[in-house]
C-alpha atoms as a PDB file:
ATOM      1  CA  MET A   1     153.283  44.333 127.790  1.00  0.00           C
ATOM      2  CA  GLU A   2     153.812  47.983 128.647  1.00  0.00           C
ATOM      3  CA  LYS A   3     153.478  48.633 132.385  1.00  0.00           C
ATOM      4  CA  ASN A   4     153.050  52.413 132.277  1.00  0.00           C
ATOM      5  CA  VAL A   5     149.971  53.944 133.870  1.00  0.00           C
ATOM      6  CA  TYR A   6     148.625  57.180 132.405  1.00  0.00           C
ATOM      7  CA  VAL A   7     146.598  59.566 134.551  1.00  0.00           C
ATOM      8  CA  TYR A   8     144.736  62.646 133.387  1.00  0.00           C
ATOM      9  CA  LYS A   9     143.071  65.219 135.616  1.00  0.00           C
ATOM     10  CA  CYS A  10     139.355  65.465 134.813  1.00  0.00           C
ATOM     11  CA  ASN A  11     136.946  66.939 137.355  1.00  0.00           C
ATOM     12  CA  LYS A  12     133.658  66.518 135.522  1.00  0.00           C
ATOM     13  CA  TYR A  13     131.929  64.385 132.916  1.00  0.00           C
ATOM     14  CA  ASP A  14     132.221  66.780 129.998  1.00  0.00           C
ATOM     15  CA  GLU A  15     132.671  65.334 126.503  1.00  0.00           C
ATOM     16  CA  THR A  16     135.203  67.976 125.434  1.00  0.00           C
ATOM     17  CA  LEU A  17     137.340  67.403 128.523  1.00  0.00           C
ATOM     18  CA  VAL A  18     137.107  63.630 128.102  1.00  0.00           C
ATOM     19  CA  GLU A  19     138.228  63.868 124.471  1.00  0.00           C
ATOM     20  CA  LEU A  20     141.263  65.885 125.590  1.00  0.00           C
ATOM     21  CA  ALA A  21     141.983  63.298 128.264  1.00  0.00           C
ATOM     22  CA  TYR A  22     141.842  60.419 125.780  1.00  0.00           C
ATOM     23  CA  GLN A  23     144.156  62.215 123.380  1.00  0.00           C
ATOM     24  CA  GLU A  24     146.738  62.412 126.169  1.00  0.00           C
ATOM     25  CA  ILE A  25     146.386  59.010 127.849  1.00  0.00           C
ATOM     26  CA  LEU A  26     145.260  56.827 124.940  1.00  0.00           C
ATOM     27  CA  VAL A  27     146.232  58.296 121.570  1.00  0.00           C
ATOM     28  CA  LYS A  28     149.655  59.814 122.314  1.00  0.00           C
ATOM     29  CA  PRO A  29     151.016  56.762 124.197  1.00  0.00           C
ATOM     30  CA  GLY A  30     149.717  54.464 121.447  1.00  0.00           C
ATOM     31  CA  LEU A  31     147.282  52.541 123.623  1.00  0.00           C
ATOM     32  CA  LEU A  32     144.738  52.454 120.782  1.00  0.00           C
ATOM     33  CA  ASP A  33     147.212  51.232 118.167  1.00  0.00           C
ATOM     34  CA  PHE A  34     145.878  47.672 118.502  1.00  0.00           C
ATOM     35  CA  VAL A  35     142.584  48.693 116.870  1.00  0.00           C
ATOM     36  CA  LYS A  36     142.297  47.587 113.236  1.00  0.00           C
ATOM     37  CA  GLU A  37     139.630  48.154 110.595  1.00  0.00           C
ATOM     38  CA  GLY A  38     136.735  45.738 111.086  1.00  0.00           C
ATOM     39  CA  MET A  39     137.945  44.505 114.480  1.00  0.00           C
ATOM     40  CA  LYS A  40     135.257  43.487 116.980  1.00  0.00           C
ATOM     41  CA  VAL A  41     136.026  45.303 120.218  1.00  0.00           C
ATOM     42  CA  GLY A  42     134.079  44.576 123.394  1.00  0.00           C
ATOM     43  CA  ILE A  43     133.997  47.118 126.212  1.00  0.00           C
ATOM     44  CA  LYS A  44     133.436  45.384 129.522  1.00  0.00           C
ATOM     45  CA  VAL A  45     131.999  48.133 131.736  1.00  0.00           C
ATOM     46  CA  ASN A  46     131.065  48.069 135.409  1.00  0.00           C
ATOM     47  CA  LEU A  47     127.310  47.532 135.302  1.00  0.00           C
ATOM     48  CA  VAL A  48     126.826  46.129 138.766  1.00  0.00           C
ATOM     49  CA  GLY A  49     123.100  46.872 138.612  1.00  0.00           C
ATOM     50  CA  ASN A  50     120.411  49.372 137.696  1.00  0.00           C
ATOM     51  CA  PHE A  51     122.037  52.472 139.172  1.00  0.00           C
ATOM     52  CA  ASN A  52     121.828  56.064 137.993  1.00  0.00           C
ATOM     53  CA  PRO A  53     125.266  57.466 137.088  1.00  0.00           C
ATOM     54  CA  ASP A  54     124.964  59.951 139.975  1.00  0.00           C
ATOM     55  CA  LYS A  55     125.233  57.009 142.398  1.00  0.00           C
ATOM     56  CA  ALA A  56     128.861  56.436 141.253  1.00  0.00           C
ATOM     57  CA  ALA A  57     128.339  52.662 141.162  1.00  0.00           C
ATOM     58  CA  THR A  58     128.768  52.164 137.403  1.00  0.00           C
ATOM     59  CA  THR A  59     131.119  53.328 134.660  1.00  0.00           C
ATOM     60  CA  HIS A  60     129.904  56.757 133.585  1.00  0.00           C
ATOM     61  CA  PRO A  61     128.189  56.766 130.165  1.00  0.00           C
ATOM     62  CA  ILE A  62     129.965  59.893 128.899  1.00  0.00           C
ATOM     63  CA  LEU A  63     133.364  58.231 129.335  1.00  0.00           C
ATOM     64  CA  VAL A  64     132.154  55.124 127.527  1.00  0.00           C
ATOM     65  CA  LYS A  65     130.480  57.117 124.735  1.00  0.00           C
ATOM     66  CA  VAL A  66     133.633  59.090 123.921  1.00  0.00           C
ATOM     67  CA  LEU A  67     135.737  55.915 123.996  1.00  0.00           C
ATOM     68  CA  CYS A  68     133.298  54.303 121.545  1.00  0.00           C
ATOM     69  CA  LYS A  69     133.668  57.327 119.279  1.00  0.00           C
ATOM     70  CA  PHE A  70     137.465  56.986 119.261  1.00  0.00           C
ATOM     71  CA  LEU A  71     137.267  53.254 118.526  1.00  0.00           C
ATOM     72  CA  ILE A  72     134.649  53.538 115.781  1.00  0.00           C
ATOM     73  CA  GLU A  73     136.646  56.298 114.073  1.00  0.00           C
ATOM     74  CA  ARG A  74     139.449  53.716 113.851  1.00  0.00           C
ATOM     75  CA  GLY A  75     137.143  51.206 112.173  1.00  0.00           C
ATOM     76  CA  ALA A  76     136.188  49.062 115.164  1.00  0.00           C
ATOM     77  CA  ILE A  77     132.829  47.341 115.608  1.00  0.00           C
ATOM     78  CA  VAL A  78     132.073  48.129 119.254  1.00  0.00           C
ATOM     79  CA  THR A  79     129.891  46.190 121.686  1.00  0.00           C
ATOM     80  CA  ILE A  80     129.330  47.234 125.306  1.00  0.00           C
ATOM     81  CA  GLY A  81     128.325  44.738 127.950  1.00  0.00           C
ATOM     82  CA  ASP A  82     128.491  43.272 131.431  1.00  0.00           C
ATOM     83  CA  SER A  83     126.580  40.881 133.652  1.00  0.00           C
ATOM     84  CA  PRO A  84     124.891  42.619 136.598  1.00  0.00           C
ATOM     85  CA  GLY A  85     124.320  40.704 139.803  1.00  0.00           C
ATOM     86  CA  GLY A  86     121.192  38.548 139.986  1.00  0.00           C
ATOM     87  CA  LEU A  87     119.309  37.051 137.073  1.00  0.00           C
ATOM     88  CA  PHE A  88     121.057  37.360 133.715  1.00  0.00           C
ATOM     89  CA  THR A  89     118.143  38.086 131.396  1.00  0.00           C
ATOM     90  CA  GLU A  90     117.552  40.462 128.506  1.00  0.00           C
ATOM     91  CA  GLY A  91     115.032  42.376 130.595  1.00  0.00           C
ATOM     92  CA  ILE A  92     117.503  42.881 133.440  1.00  0.00           C
ATOM     93  CA  LEU A  93     120.139  44.035 130.968  1.00  0.00           C
ATOM     94  CA  ARG A  94     117.813  46.515 129.298  1.00  0.00           C
ATOM     95  CA  SER A  95     116.842  47.953 132.657  1.00  0.00           C
ATOM     96  CA  ALA A  96     120.460  48.221 133.807  1.00  0.00           C
ATOM     97  CA  TYR A  97     121.640  49.871 130.570  1.00  0.00           C
ATOM     98  CA  LYS A  98     118.804  52.379 130.776  1.00  0.00           C
ATOM     99  CA  GLY A  99     119.395  53.149 134.447  1.00  0.00           C
ATOM    100  CA  ALA A 100     123.135  53.614 133.925  1.00  0.00           C
ATOM    101  CA  GLY A 101     122.575  55.861 130.893  1.00  0.00           C
ATOM    102  CA  LEU A 102     124.616  53.662 128.567  1.00  0.00           C
ATOM    103  CA  SER A 103     122.083  53.855 125.730  1.00  0.00           C
ATOM    104  CA  VAL A 104     123.741  57.183 124.882  1.00  0.00           C
ATOM    105  CA  CYS A 105     126.593  55.139 123.363  1.00  0.00           C
ATOM    106  CA  GLU A 106     124.282  53.994 120.579  1.00  0.00           C
ATOM    107  CA  GLU A 107     124.317  57.592 119.300  1.00  0.00           C
ATOM    108  CA  VAL A 108     127.890  57.114 118.055  1.00  0.00           C
ATOM    109  CA  GLY A 109     127.267  53.658 116.566  1.00  0.00           C
ATOM    110  CA  ALA A 110     128.120  51.305 119.424  1.00  0.00           C
ATOM    111  CA  LYS A 111     125.953  48.302 120.272  1.00  0.00           C
ATOM    112  CA  LEU A 112     124.718  47.173 123.669  1.00  0.00           C
ATOM    113  CA  ASN A 113     124.932  43.440 124.261  1.00  0.00           C
ATOM    114  CA  TYR A 114     121.662  41.603 124.896  1.00  0.00           C
ATOM    115  CA  ASP A 115     122.987  38.075 124.398  1.00  0.00           C
ATOM    116  CA  VAL A 116     122.482  36.247 127.708  1.00  0.00           C
ATOM    117  CA  SER A 117     123.771  32.853 126.566  1.00  0.00           C
ATOM    118  CA  THR A 118     126.696  31.400 128.496  1.00  0.00           C
ATOM    119  CA  SER A 119     129.393  28.752 128.154  1.00  0.00           C
ATOM    120  CA  GLN A 120     131.618  26.818 130.504  1.00  0.00           C
ATOM    121  CA  ILE A 121     135.213  26.730 129.365  1.00  0.00           C
ATOM    122  CA  LYS A 122     138.181  24.750 130.671  1.00  0.00           C
ATOM    123  CA  VAL A 123     141.191  26.732 131.848  1.00  0.00           C
ATOM    124  CA  ASP A 124     144.357  25.843 133.708  1.00  0.00           C
ATOM    125  CA  LYS A 125     145.179  28.657 136.084  1.00  0.00           C
ATOM    126  CA  GLN A 126     146.048  29.056 139.780  1.00  0.00           C
ATOM    127  CA  VAL A 127     142.668  28.158 141.239  1.00  0.00           C
ATOM    128  CA  VAL A 128     140.212  28.262 138.327  1.00  0.00           C
ATOM    129  CA  LYS A 129     139.923  25.100 136.241  1.00  0.00           C
ATOM    130  CA  THR A 130     136.471  25.624 134.745  1.00  0.00           C
ATOM    131  CA  LEU A 131     135.025  29.052 134.083  1.00  0.00           C
ATOM    132  CA  ASP A 132     131.470  30.150 133.329  1.00  0.00           C
ATOM    133  CA  VAL A 133     131.429  33.082 130.909  1.00  0.00           C
ATOM    134  CA  SER A 134     128.998  35.245 128.962  1.00  0.00           C
ATOM    135  CA  ASN A 135     129.189  34.242 125.299  1.00  0.00           C
ATOM    136  CA  TRP A 136     129.334  37.777 123.914  1.00  0.00           C
ATOM    137  CA  LEU A 137     132.854  38.094 125.319  1.00  0.00           C
ATOM    138  CA  LEU A 138     134.028  35.057 123.348  1.00  0.00           C
ATOM    139  CA  GLU A 139     132.907  36.670 120.082  1.00  0.00           C
ATOM    140  CA  GLN A 140     135.195  39.705 120.388  1.00  0.00           C
ATOM    141  CA  ASP A 141     138.582  40.133 118.730  1.00  0.00           C
ATOM    142  CA  ALA A 142     139.765  42.356 121.582  1.00  0.00           C
ATOM    143  CA  LEU A 143     138.462  43.432 124.977  1.00  0.00           C
ATOM    144  CA  ILE A 144     138.665  46.696 126.875  1.00  0.00           C
ATOM    145  CA  ASN A 145     138.128  46.688 130.630  1.00  0.00           C
ATOM    146  CA  PHE A 146     136.492  49.964 131.764  1.00  0.00           C
ATOM    147  CA  SER A 147     135.994  49.910 135.514  1.00  0.00           C
ATOM    148  CA  LYS A 148     134.801  52.314 138.185  1.00  0.00           C
ATOM    149  CA  LEU A 149     137.040  53.225 141.135  1.00  0.00           C
ATOM    150  CA  LYS A 150     135.188  52.157 144.279  1.00  0.00           C
ATOM    151  CA  SER A 151     135.684  50.700 147.710  1.00  0.00           C
ATOM    152  CA  HIS A 152     134.650  47.073 148.122  1.00  0.00           C
ATOM    153  CA  GLY A 153     133.432  45.237 151.215  1.00  0.00           C
ATOM    154  CA  MET A 154     135.427  42.053 150.582  1.00  0.00           C
ATOM    155  CA  MET A 155     138.386  43.109 148.436  1.00  0.00           C
ATOM    156  CA  ALA A 156     138.787  46.693 149.743  1.00  0.00           C
ATOM    157  CA  LEU A 157     139.363  48.007 146.204  1.00  0.00           C
ATOM    158  CA  SER A 158     137.156  47.629 143.160  1.00  0.00           C
ATOM    159  CA  ALA A 159     138.939  48.790 140.048  1.00  0.00           C
ATOM    160  CA  SER A 160     140.427  47.057 137.022  1.00  0.00           C
ATOM    161  CA  VAL A 161     141.149  43.560 138.331  1.00  0.00           C
ATOM    162  CA  LYS A 162     137.902  43.221 140.286  1.00  0.00           C
ATOM    163  CA  ASN A 163     135.825  44.458 137.331  1.00  0.00           C
ATOM    164  CA  MET A 164     136.578  41.262 135.406  1.00  0.00           C
ATOM    165  CA  PHE A 165     134.384  39.305 137.831  1.00  0.00           C
ATOM    166  CA  GLY A 166     131.582  40.582 135.599  1.00  0.00           C
ATOM    167  CA  ILE A 167     132.482  38.018 132.950  1.00  0.00           C
ATOM    168  CA  VAL A 168     130.752  35.467 135.208  1.00  0.00           C
ATOM    169  CA  PRO A 169     126.980  35.435 134.563  1.00  0.00           C
ATOM    170  CA  GLY A 170     125.146  37.207 137.377  1.00  0.00           C
ATOM    171  CA  VAL A 171     123.202  34.292 138.806  1.00  0.00           C
ATOM    172  CA  LEU A 172     126.423  32.262 139.164  1.00  0.00           C
ATOM    173  CA  LYS A 173     128.373  34.942 141.051  1.00  0.00           C
ATOM    174  CA  PRO A 174     127.220  33.685 144.509  1.00  0.00           C
ATOM    175  CA  GLU A 175     128.503  30.223 143.565  1.00  0.00           C
ATOM    176  CA  TYR A 176     131.955  31.691 142.941  1.00  0.00           C
ATOM    177  CA  HIS A 177     131.860  33.442 146.317  1.00  0.00           C
ATOM    178  CA  TYR A 178     131.023  30.052 147.870  1.00  0.00           C
ATOM    179  CA  ARG A 179     133.769  28.314 145.879  1.00  0.00           C
ATOM    180  CA  TYR A 180     136.394  30.925 146.841  1.00  0.00           C
ATOM    181  CA  PRO A 181     135.256  32.095 150.293  1.00  0.00           C
ATOM    182  CA  ASN A 182     138.425  33.672 151.696  1.00  0.00           C
ATOM    183  CA  HIS A 183     140.192  36.798 150.545  1.00  0.00           C
ATOM    184  CA  ASP A 184     143.288  35.163 149.057  1.00  0.00           C
ATOM    185  CA  ASP A 185     141.399  32.511 147.077  1.00  0.00           C
ATOM    186  CA  PHE A 186     138.970  35.096 145.746  1.00  0.00           C
ATOM    187  CA  ALA A 187     141.863  37.387 144.787  1.00  0.00           C
ATOM    188  CA  ASN A 188     143.631  34.534 142.975  1.00  0.00           C
ATOM    189  CA  MET A 189     140.391  33.730 141.161  1.00  0.00           C
ATOM    190  CA  LEU A 190     140.170  37.346 139.977  1.00  0.00           C
ATOM    191  CA  ILE A 191     143.753  37.188 138.741  1.00  0.00           C
ATOM    192  CA  ASP A 192     142.911  34.007 136.845  1.00  0.00           C
ATOM    193  CA  LEU A 193     140.001  35.760 135.127  1.00  0.00           C
ATOM    194  CA  ASN A 194     142.305  38.583 134.081  1.00  0.00           C
ATOM    195  CA  GLU A 195     144.797  36.086 132.685  1.00  0.00           C
ATOM    196  CA  VAL A 196     142.164  34.126 130.737  1.00  0.00           C
ATOM    197  CA  PHE A 197     140.665  37.309 129.276  1.00  0.00           C
ATOM    198  CA  GLU A 198     143.732  39.477 128.769  1.00  0.00           C
ATOM    199  CA  CYS A 199     142.327  42.883 127.892  1.00  0.00           C
ATOM    200  CA  LYS A 200     144.156  45.039 125.373  1.00  0.00           C
ATOM    201  CA  LEU A 201     143.322  48.160 127.355  1.00  0.00           C
ATOM    202  CA  ASN A 202     142.270  48.896 130.914  1.00  0.00           C
ATOM    203  CA  LEU A 203     140.635  52.164 131.950  1.00  0.00           C
ATOM    204  CA  VAL A 204     139.331  53.404 135.288  1.00  0.00           C
ATOM    205  CA  ASP A 205     136.613  55.991 135.775  1.00  0.00           C
ATOM    206  CA  ALA A 206     137.917  57.891 138.793  1.00  0.00           C
ATOM    207  CA  VAL A 207     136.320  61.229 138.012  1.00  0.00           C
ATOM    208  CA  ILE A 208     133.793  60.535 140.752  1.00  0.00           C
ATOM    209  CA  GLY A 209     134.470  57.347 142.672  1.00  0.00           C
ATOM    210  CA  MET A 210     132.841  55.680 145.651  1.00  0.00           C
ATOM    211  CA  GLU A 211     134.053  55.437 149.239  1.00  0.00           C
ATOM    212  CA  GLY A 212     132.495  53.783 152.269  1.00  0.00           C
ATOM    213  CA  ASN A 213     130.116  50.857 151.820  1.00  0.00           C
ATOM    214  CA  GLY A 214     131.087  49.933 148.255  1.00  0.00           C
ATOM    215  CA  PRO A 215     130.609  48.656 145.659  1.00  0.00           C
ATOM    216  CA  THR A 216     126.987  49.850 145.526  1.00  0.00           C
ATOM    217  CA  GLN A 217     125.926  51.520 148.784  1.00  0.00           C
ATOM    218  CA  GLY A 218     128.843  53.865 149.385  1.00  0.00           C
ATOM    219  CA  THR A 219     129.164  57.627 149.037  1.00  0.00           C
ATOM    220  CA  PRO A 220     130.193  59.350 145.778  1.00  0.00           C
ATOM    221  CA  ARG A 221     133.510  61.181 146.112  1.00  0.00           C
ATOM    222  CA  LEU A 222     135.241  63.518 143.681  1.00  0.00           C
ATOM    223  CA  ILE A 223     138.636  62.036 142.803  1.00  0.00           C
ATOM    224  CA  GLY A 224     139.071  63.903 139.546  1.00  0.00           C
ATOM    225  CA  CYS A 225     140.983  61.706 137.127  1.00  0.00           C
ATOM    226  CA  ILE A 226     140.837  59.058 134.422  1.00  0.00           C
ATOM    227  CA  LEU A 227     143.463  56.307 134.386  1.00  0.00           C
ATOM    228  CA  ALA A 228     144.632  53.992 131.600  1.00  0.00           C
ATOM    229  CA  SER A 229     147.139  51.196 131.075  1.00  0.00           C
ATOM    230  CA  SER A 230     147.621  48.104 128.966  1.00  0.00           C
ATOM    231  CA  ALA A 231     148.117  46.125 132.218  1.00  0.00           C
ATOM    232  CA  PRO A 232     145.524  45.896 135.024  1.00  0.00           C
ATOM    233  CA  TYR A 233     147.858  45.263 137.968  1.00  0.00           C
ATOM    234  CA  PRO A 234     150.010  48.441 137.953  1.00  0.00           C
ATOM    235  CA  LEU A 235     146.833  50.356 137.177  1.00  0.00           C
ATOM    236  CA  ASP A 236     145.209  49.093 140.374  1.00  0.00           C
ATOM    237  CA  VAL A 237     148.363  49.856 142.361  1.00  0.00           C
ATOM    238  CA  VAL A 238     148.109  53.492 141.252  1.00  0.00           C
ATOM    239  CA  CYS A 239     144.374  53.491 142.083  1.00  0.00           C
END
């Protein structure tokens, strides 16, 4: 796996600028070469809840829309999804997608996931032996992890690795906090999730991030870049 991290300066959510950024950090380094005609590609965004993009709590819809465009042009069948905190219902999902502005991605042919069914799978990792997951993730041929750069009350940083906690259905997230109550155990659990669902591509929306009381009640801060890598760990180190 390539360990390079690609960073592109981008100070605003403008589609033209984002397309230029993706040409430099995705197309030229070959990070989209895994995409094949007819491949089902799931984009796991940060949809922590029903937050307007201006709150800087969720992955910005313009970045996701342009990524969908690039993937669909390469023949991919694209589905966007996540599991917000709280009840995992179709109504909650619809509200969260609308609030975060992600319905704009449907304009380029992407689908929003409304499947709220779940499965428990057996794994054999550091601390996780059984894992509850949203079924839509299991149906994809490849996954892309598109996180938001934020501070986090427990883990300090919320970026690529932490974003994969969203594979756990919302109502079960408190159970995982109870099961892994200290920092190290929770961190090892997050690593396990990243190893079970090894994403082909990891991106971070750091155009406007969040500092302070993250991941939802902090203050938006201009950081001015988009980051990409095939590996989540060096990406988070750079973040």
